[in-house]
Amino acid sequence: MELSSDVKNAVHANRKIDAIKRLRVEHNLGLKEAKDIIDTYIDENRHLLVNQRAGRDSSFGPILVIVILGCVIYAAYRAFS
């Protein structure tokens, strides 16, 4: 079954429940059947979803490390001068 762009967008935005609801309305499916279809889509496209999430999550980590390191260096400077 081909999923609509609305359903795919919901999955890629990590809104699984919304994707299931949209699929049920679009194709008049039961809850279990729609959930199974979404789960299958996620399993088959996991590489796309993982890469997408990794790109979002990893951008904040280095900035946080730099800020914390800067605070530690500044505190050491103030303590020993």
PDB file of N, CA and C in Angstrom:
ATOM      1  N   MET A   1       0.850  -1.175   0.000  1.00  0.00           N
ATOM      2  CA  MET A   1       0.000   0.000   0.000  1.00  0.00           C
ATOM      3  C   MET A   1       0.894   1.236   0.000  1.00  0.00           C
ATOM      4  N   GLU A   2       0.601   2.158  -0.875  1.00  0.00           N
ATOM      5  CA  GLU A   2       1.354   3.400  -0.963  1.00  0.00           C
ATOM      6  C   GLU A   2       0.816   4.383   0.078  1.00  0.00           C
ATOM      7  N   LEU A   3       1.718   4.924   0.879  1.00  0.00           N
ATOM      8  CA  LEU A   3       1.327   5.875   1.908  1.00  0.00           C
ATOM      9  C   LEU A   3       1.317   7.286   1.335  1.00  0.00           C
ATOM     10  N   SER A   4       0.365   8.080   1.786  1.00  0.00           N
ATOM     11  CA  SER A   4       0.290   9.462   1.321  1.00  0.00           C
ATOM     12  C   SER A   4       1.425  10.272   1.930  1.00  0.00           C
ATOM     13  N   SER A   5       1.657  11.428   1.369  1.00  0.00           N
ATOM     14  CA  SER A   5       2.727  12.288   1.889  1.00  0.00           C
ATOM     15  C   SER A   5       2.416  12.755   3.309  1.00  0.00           C
ATOM     16  N   ASP A   6       1.135  12.944   3.635  1.00  0.00           N
ATOM     17  CA  ASP A   6       0.767  13.343   4.996  1.00  0.00           C
ATOM     18  C   ASP A   6       1.159  12.273   6.016  1.00  0.00           C
ATOM     19  N   VAL A   7       0.908  11.020   5.664  1.00  0.00           N
ATOM     20  CA  VAL A   7       1.249   9.913   6.559  1.00  0.00           C
ATOM     21  C   VAL A   7       2.765   9.795   6.695  1.00  0.00           C
ATOM     22  N   LYS A   8       3.471   9.860   5.567  1.00  0.00           N
ATOM     23  CA  LYS A   8       4.938   9.780   5.602  1.00  0.00           C
ATOM     24  C   LYS A   8       5.537  10.933   6.398  1.00  0.00           C
ATOM     25  N   ASN A   9       5.010  12.130   6.202  1.00  0.00           N
ATOM     26  CA  ASN A   9       5.519  13.287   6.944  1.00  0.00           C
ATOM     27  C   ASN A   9       5.323  13.112   8.446  1.00  0.00           C
ATOM     28  N   ALA A  10       4.190  12.551   8.830  1.00  0.00           N
ATOM     29  CA  ALA A  10       3.938  12.311  10.255  1.00  0.00           C
ATOM     30  C   ALA A  10       4.934  11.301  10.818  1.00  0.00           C
ATOM     31  N   VAL A  11       5.231  10.252  10.061  1.00  0.00           N
ATOM     32  CA  VAL A  11       6.206   9.258  10.511  1.00  0.00           C
ATOM     33  C   VAL A  11       7.579   9.897  10.641  1.00  0.00           C
ATOM     34  N   HIS A  12       7.986  10.661   9.637  1.00  0.00           N
ATOM     35  CA  HIS A  12       9.310  11.272   9.643  1.00  0.00           C
ATOM     36  C   HIS A  12       9.443  12.360  10.713  1.00  0.00           C
ATOM     37  N   ALA A  13       8.314  12.900  11.156  1.00  0.00           N
ATOM     38  CA  ALA A  13       8.331  13.889  12.240  1.00  0.00           C
ATOM     39  C   ALA A  13       8.199  13.217  13.600  1.00  0.00           C
ATOM     40  N   ASN A  14       8.293  11.882  13.609  1.00  0.00           N
ATOM     41  CA  ASN A  14       8.209  11.096  14.837  1.00  0.00           C
ATOM     42  C   ASN A  14       6.834  11.228  15.509  1.00  0.00           C
ATOM     43  N   ARG A  15       5.784  11.310  14.689  1.00  0.00           N
ATOM     44  CA  ARG A  15       4.407  11.366  15.192  1.00  0.00           C
ATOM     45  C   ARG A  15       3.668  10.118  14.706  1.00  0.00           C
ATOM     46  N   LYS A  16       4.043   8.989  15.285  1.00  0.00           N
ATOM     47  CA  LYS A  16       3.522   7.694  14.851  1.00  0.00           C
ATOM     48  C   LYS A  16       2.007   7.598  15.025  1.00  0.00           C
ATOM     49  N   ILE A  17       1.493   8.062  16.142  1.00  0.00           N
ATOM     50  CA  ILE A  17       0.049   7.975  16.401  1.00  0.00           C
ATOM     51  C   ILE A  17      -0.720   8.793  15.379  1.00  0.00           C
ATOM     52  N   ASP A  18      -0.216   9.973  15.061  1.00  0.00           N
ATOM     53  CA  ASP A  18      -0.852  10.813  14.043  1.00  0.00           C
ATOM     54  C   ASP A  18      -0.831  10.119  12.682  1.00  0.00           C
ATOM     55  N   ALA A  19       0.276   9.460  12.362  1.00  0.00           N
ATOM     56  CA  ALA A  19       0.370   8.735  11.099  1.00  0.00           C
ATOM     57  C   ALA A  19      -0.660   7.608  11.037  1.00  0.00           C
ATOM     58  N   ILE A  20      -0.821   6.892  12.125  1.00  0.00           N
ATOM     59  CA  ILE A  20      -1.803   5.801  12.179  1.00  0.00           C
ATOM     60  C   ILE A  20      -3.216   6.359  12.000  1.00  0.00           C
ATOM     61  N   LYS A  21      -3.526   7.455  12.682  1.00  0.00           N
ATOM     62  CA  LYS A  21      -4.853   8.067  12.553  1.00  0.00           C
ATOM     63  C   LYS A  21      -5.127   8.492  11.117  1.00  0.00           C
ATOM     64  N   ARG A  22      -4.141   9.147  10.505  1.00  0.00           N
ATOM     65  CA  ARG A  22      -4.315   9.606   9.123  1.00  0.00           C
ATOM     66  C   ARG A  22      -4.528   8.427   8.164  1.00  0.00           C
ATOM     67  N   LEU A  23      -3.748   7.360   8.352  1.00  0.00           N
ATOM     68  CA  LEU A  23      -3.876   6.183   7.504  1.00  0.00           C
ATOM     69  C   LEU A  23      -5.250   5.538   7.667  1.00  0.00           C
ATOM     70  N   ARG A  24      -5.731   5.476   8.885  1.00  0.00           N
ATOM     71  CA  ARG A  24      -7.053   4.880   9.133  1.00  0.00           C
ATOM     72  C   ARG A  24      -8.145   5.655   8.410  1.00  0.00           C
ATOM     73  N   VAL A  25      -8.071   6.989   8.483  1.00  0.00           N
ATOM     74  CA  VAL A  25      -9.085   7.815   7.837  1.00  0.00           C
ATOM     75  C   VAL A  25      -9.007   7.694   6.313  1.00  0.00           C
ATOM     76  N   GLU A  26      -7.778   7.738   5.782  1.00  0.00           N
ATOM     77  CA  GLU A  26      -7.598   7.705   4.326  1.00  0.00           C
ATOM     78  C   GLU A  26      -8.060   6.394   3.696  1.00  0.00           C
ATOM     79  N   HIS A  27      -7.840   5.283   4.392  1.00  0.00           N
ATOM     80  CA  HIS A  27      -8.115   3.969   3.793  1.00  0.00           C
ATOM     81  C   HIS A  27      -9.188   3.169   4.534  1.00  0.00           C
ATOM     82  N   ASN A  28      -9.845   3.792   5.514  1.00  0.00           N
ATOM     83  CA  ASN A  28     -10.907   3.142   6.269  1.00  0.00           C
ATOM     84  C   ASN A  28     -10.423   1.807   6.849  1.00  0.00           C
ATOM     85  N   LEU A  29      -9.309   1.859   7.598  1.00  0.00           N
ATOM     86  CA  LEU A  29      -8.694   0.666   8.173  1.00  0.00           C
ATOM     87  C   LEU A  29      -8.966   0.579   9.663  1.00  0.00           C
ATOM     88  N   GLY A  30      -8.808  -0.604  10.201  1.00  0.00           N
ATOM     89  CA  GLY A  30      -8.879  -0.797  11.631  1.00  0.00           C
ATOM     90  C   GLY A  30      -7.571  -0.360  12.282  1.00  0.00           C
ATOM     91  N   LEU A  31      -7.599  -0.225  13.585  1.00  0.00           N
ATOM     92  CA  LEU A  31      -6.431   0.255  14.319  1.00  0.00           C
ATOM     93  C   LEU A  31      -5.235  -0.681  14.153  1.00  0.00           C
ATOM     94  N   LYS A  32      -5.434  -1.965  14.341  1.00  0.00           N
ATOM     95  CA  LYS A  32      -4.326  -2.922  14.260  1.00  0.00           C
ATOM     96  C   LYS A  32      -3.726  -2.966  12.862  1.00  0.00           C
ATOM     97  N   GLU A  33      -4.578  -2.976  11.860  1.00  0.00           N
ATOM     98  CA  GLU A  33      -4.082  -3.029  10.487  1.00  0.00           C
ATOM     99  C   GLU A  33      -3.269  -1.776  10.145  1.00  0.00           C
ATOM    100  N   ALA A  34      -3.778  -0.617  10.528  1.00  0.00           N
ATOM    101  CA  ALA A  34      -3.051   0.629  10.256  1.00  0.00           C
ATOM    102  C   ALA A  34      -1.727   0.660  11.019  1.00  0.00           C
ATOM    103  N   LYS A  35      -1.732   0.211  12.267  1.00  0.00           N
ATOM    104  CA  LYS A  35      -0.503   0.182  13.063  1.00  0.00           C
ATOM    105  C   LYS A  35       0.522  -0.750  12.434  1.00  0.00           C
ATOM    106  N   ASP A  36       0.079  -1.909  11.979  1.00  0.00           N
ATOM    107  CA  ASP A  36       0.989  -2.869  11.340  1.00  0.00           C
ATOM    108  C   ASP A  36       1.612  -2.277  10.071  1.00  0.00           C
ATOM    109  N   ILE A  37       0.826  -1.543   9.297  1.00  0.00           N
ATOM    110  CA  ILE A  37       1.333  -0.930   8.068  1.00  0.00           C
ATOM    111  C   ILE A  37       2.381   0.129   8.403  1.00  0.00           C
ATOM    112  N   ILE A  38       2.105   0.951   9.399  1.00  0.00           N
ATOM    113  CA  ILE A  38       3.052   1.995   9.806  1.00  0.00           C
ATOM    114  C   ILE A  38       4.317   1.361  10.365  1.00  0.00           C
ATOM    115  N   ASP A  39       4.168   0.328  11.190  1.00  0.00           N
ATOM    116  CA  ASP A  39       5.350  -0.359  11.738  1.00  0.00           C
ATOM    117  C   ASP A  39       6.209  -0.959  10.629  1.00  0.00           C
ATOM    118  N   THR A  40       5.560  -1.539   9.633  1.00  0.00           N
ATOM    119  CA  THR A  40       6.293  -2.101   8.495  1.00  0.00           C
ATOM    120  C   THR A  40       7.029  -1.001   7.736  1.00  0.00           C
ATOM    121  N   TYR A  41       6.357   0.122   7.520  1.00  0.00           N
ATOM    122  CA  TYR A  41       7.002   1.250   6.825  1.00  0.00           C
ATOM    123  C   TYR A  41       8.219   1.736   7.612  1.00  0.00           C
ATOM    124  N   ILE A  42       8.079   1.832   8.925  1.00  0.00           N
ATOM    125  CA  ILE A  42       9.198   2.280   9.766  1.00  0.00           C
ATOM    126  C   ILE A  42      10.353   1.286   9.687  1.00  0.00           C
ATOM    127  N   ASP A  43      10.048  -0.006   9.777  1.00  0.00           N
ATOM    128  CA  ASP A  43      11.098  -1.029   9.698  1.00  0.00           C
ATOM    129  C   ASP A  43      11.824  -1.005   8.353  1.00  0.00           C
ATOM    130  N   GLU A  44      11.068  -0.837   7.272  1.00  0.00           N
ATOM    131  CA  GLU A  44      11.666  -0.842   5.942  1.00  0.00           C
ATOM    132  C   GLU A  44      12.451   0.435   5.646  1.00  0.00           C
ATOM    133  N   ASN A  45      12.147   1.517   6.345  1.00  0.00           N
ATOM    134  CA  ASN A  45      12.786   2.808   6.093  1.00  0.00           C
ATOM    135  C   ASN A  45      13.575   3.304   7.296  1.00  0.00           C
ATOM    136  N   ARG A  46      13.957   2.388   8.159  1.00  0.00           N
ATOM    137  CA  ARG A  46      14.663   2.746   9.384  1.00  0.00           C
ATOM    138  C   ARG A  46      15.933   3.551   9.100  1.00  0.00           C
ATOM    139  N   HIS A  47      16.646   3.201   8.035  1.00  0.00           N
ATOM    140  CA  HIS A  47      17.879   3.913   7.710  1.00  0.00           C
ATOM    141  C   HIS A  47      17.609   5.390   7.424  1.00  0.00           C
ATOM    142  N   LEU A  48      16.483   5.708   6.823  1.00  0.00           N
ATOM    143  CA  LEU A  48      16.146   7.109   6.576  1.00  0.00           C
ATOM    144  C   LEU A  48      15.772   7.823   7.868  1.00  0.00           C
ATOM    145  N   LEU A  49      15.025   7.135   8.713  1.00  0.00           N
ATOM    146  CA  LEU A  49      14.579   7.739   9.959  1.00  0.00           C
ATOM    147  C   LEU A  49      15.730   7.917  10.927  1.00  0.00           C
ATOM    148  N   VAL A  50      16.628   6.954  11.020  1.00  0.00           N
ATOM    149  CA  VAL A  50      17.771   7.042  11.925  1.00  0.00           C
ATOM    150  C   VAL A  50      18.676   8.178  11.506  1.00  0.00           C
ATOM    151  N   ASN A  51      18.971   8.286  10.210  1.00  0.00           N
ATOM    152  CA  ASN A  51      19.835   9.352   9.726  1.00  0.00           C
ATOM    153  C   ASN A  51      19.207  10.717   9.965  1.00  0.00           C
ATOM    154  N   GLN A  52      17.929  10.800   9.790  1.00  0.00           N
ATOM    155  CA  GLN A  52      17.235  12.060   9.982  1.00  0.00           C
ATOM    156  C   GLN A  52      17.283  12.476  11.453  1.00  0.00           C
ATOM    157  N   ARG A  53      17.041  11.540  12.355  1.00  0.00           N
ATOM    158  CA  ARG A  53      17.083  11.847  13.776  1.00  0.00           C
ATOM    159  C   ARG A  53      18.496  12.141  14.244  1.00  0.00           C
ATOM    160  N   ALA A  54      19.473  11.399  13.736  1.00  0.00           N
ATOM    161  CA  ALA A  54      20.863  11.616  14.141  1.00  0.00           C
ATOM    162  C   ALA A  54      21.311  13.010  13.744  1.00  0.00           C
ATOM    163  N   GLY A  55      20.914  13.465  12.588  1.00  0.00           N
ATOM    164  CA  GLY A  55      21.289  14.806  12.152  1.00  0.00           C
ATOM    165  C   GLY A  55      20.692  15.873  13.037  1.00  0.00           C
ATOM    166  N   ARG A  56      19.497  15.673  13.495  1.00  0.00           N
ATOM    167  CA  ARG A  56      18.850  16.638  14.374  1.00  0.00           C
ATOM    168  C   ARG A  56      19.465  16.627  15.752  1.00  0.00           C
ATOM    169  N   ASP A  57      19.692  15.459  16.310  1.00  0.00           N
ATOM    170  CA  ASP A  57      20.150  15.347  17.683  1.00  0.00           C
ATOM    171  C   ASP A  57      21.618  15.705  17.858  1.00  0.00           C
ATOM    172  N   SER A  58      22.446  15.411  16.871  1.00  0.00           N
ATOM    173  CA  SER A  58      23.884  15.564  17.049  1.00  0.00           C
ATOM    174  C   SER A  58      24.350  17.006  16.963  1.00  0.00           C
ATOM    175  N   SER A  59      23.562  17.926  16.467  1.00  0.00           N
ATOM    176  CA  SER A  59      24.014  19.296  16.300  1.00  0.00           C
ATOM    177  C   SER A  59      24.108  20.045  17.631  1.00  0.00           C
ATOM    178  N   PHE A  60      23.368  19.652  18.618  1.00  0.00           N
ATOM    179  CA  PHE A  60      23.367  20.352  19.901  1.00  0.00           C
ATOM    180  C   PHE A  60      24.496  19.881  20.815  1.00  0.00           C
ATOM    181  N   GLY A  61      24.916  18.638  20.704  1.00  0.00           N
ATOM    182  CA  GLY A  61      25.938  18.064  21.575  1.00  0.00           C
ATOM    183  C   GLY A  61      27.262  18.814  21.568  1.00  0.00           C
ATOM    184  N   PRO A  62      27.869  19.048  20.404  1.00  0.00           N
ATOM    185  CA  PRO A  62      29.159  19.755  20.391  1.00  0.00           C
ATOM    186  C   PRO A  62      29.078  21.168  20.960  1.00  0.00           C
ATOM    187  N   ILE A  63      27.976  21.847  20.729  1.00  0.00           N
ATOM    188  CA  ILE A  63      27.822  23.196  21.266  1.00  0.00           C
ATOM    189  C   ILE A  63      27.777  23.146  22.784  1.00  0.00           C
ATOM    190  N   LEU A  64      27.059  22.194  23.330  1.00  0.00           N
ATOM    191  CA  LEU A  64      26.966  22.041  24.775  1.00  0.00           C
ATOM    192  C   LEU A  64      28.329  21.745  25.387  1.00  0.00           C
ATOM    193  N   VAL A  65      29.109  20.893  24.753  1.00  0.00           N
ATOM    194  CA  VAL A  65      30.451  20.566  25.247  1.00  0.00           C
ATOM    195  C   VAL A  65      31.327  21.806  25.252  1.00  0.00           C
ATOM    196  N   ILE A  66      31.279  22.602  24.200  1.00  0.00           N
ATOM    197  CA  ILE A  66      32.088  23.820  24.128  1.00  0.00           C
ATOM    198  C   ILE A  66      31.688  24.806  25.215  1.00  0.00           C
ATOM    199  N   VAL A  67      30.407  24.978  25.445  1.00  0.00           N
ATOM    200  CA  VAL A  67      29.938  25.909  26.482  1.00  0.00           C
ATOM    201  C   VAL A  67      30.386  25.445  27.862  1.00  0.00           C
ATOM    202  N   ILE A  68      30.230  24.165  28.151  1.00  0.00           N
ATOM    203  CA  ILE A  68      30.638  23.637  29.462  1.00  0.00           C
ATOM    204  C   ILE A  68      32.146  23.759  29.632  1.00  0.00           C
ATOM    205  N   LEU A  69      32.905  23.430  28.610  1.00  0.00           N
ATOM    206  CA  LEU A  69      34.362  23.549  28.678  1.00  0.00           C
ATOM    207  C   LEU A  69      34.783  24.998  28.900  1.00  0.00           C
ATOM    208  N   GLY A  70      34.133  25.915  28.230  1.00  0.00           N
ATOM    209  CA  GLY A  70      34.418  27.338  28.432  1.00  0.00           C
ATOM    210  C   GLY A  70      34.139  27.767  29.860  1.00  0.00           C
ATOM    211  N   CYS A  71      33.049  27.301  30.427  1.00  0.00           N
ATOM    212  CA  CYS A  71      32.711  27.646  31.821  1.00  0.00           C
ATOM    213  C   CYS A  71      33.741  27.080  32.785  1.00  0.00           C
ATOM    214  N   VAL A  72      34.188  25.873  32.558  1.00  0.00           N
ATOM    215  CA  VAL A  72      35.194  25.259  33.424  1.00  0.00           C
ATOM    216  C   VAL A  72      36.512  26.020  33.339  1.00  0.00           C
ATOM    217  N   ILE A  73      36.928  26.377  32.144  1.00  0.00           N
ATOM    218  CA  ILE A  73      38.177  27.133  31.979  1.00  0.00           C
ATOM    219  C   ILE A  73      38.069  28.496  32.647  1.00  0.00           C
ATOM    220  N   TYR A  74      36.942  29.163  32.468  1.00  0.00           N
ATOM    221  CA  TYR A  74      36.750  30.470  33.097  1.00  0.00           C
ATOM    222  C   TYR A  74      36.763  30.363  34.617  1.00  0.00           C
ATOM    223  N   ALA A  75      36.098  29.328  35.167  1.00  0.00           N
ATOM    224  CA  ALA A  75      36.073  29.142  36.614  1.00  0.00           C
ATOM    225  C   ALA A  75      37.484  28.842  37.141  1.00  0.00           C
ATOM    226  N   ALA A  76      38.260  28.062  36.425  1.00  0.00           N
ATOM    227  CA  ALA A  76      39.632  27.782  36.829  1.00  0.00           C
ATOM    228  C   ALA A  76      40.482  29.042  36.780  1.00  0.00           C
ATOM    229  N   TYR A  77      40.297  29.828  35.755  1.00  0.00           N
ATOM    230  CA  TYR A  77      41.035  31.091  35.620  1.00  0.00           C
ATOM    231  C   TYR A  77      40.732  32.018  36.795  1.00  0.00           C
ATOM    232  N   ARG A  78      39.431  32.151  37.141  1.00  0.00           N
ATOM    233  CA  ARG A  78      39.035  33.024  38.258  1.00  0.00           C
ATOM    234  C   ARG A  78      39.543  32.491  39.603  1.00  0.00           C
ATOM    235  N   ALA A  79      39.597  31.188  39.746  1.00  0.00           N
ATOM    236  CA  ALA A  79      40.003  30.585  41.004  1.00  0.00           C
ATOM    237  C   ALA A  79      41.503  30.723  41.238  1.00  0.00           C
ATOM    238  N   PHE A  80      42.300  30.693  40.202  1.00  0.00           N
ATOM    239  CA  PHE A  80      43.745  30.692  40.355  1.00  0.00           C
ATOM    240  C   PHE A  80      44.401  32.018  40.012  1.00  0.00           C
ATOM    241  N   SER A  81      43.639  33.061  39.782  1.00  0.00           N
ATOM    242  CA  SER A  81      44.277  34.359  39.495  1.00  0.00           C
ATOM    243  C   SER A  81      44.006  35.385  40.559  1.00  0.00           C
TER     244      SER A  81
END
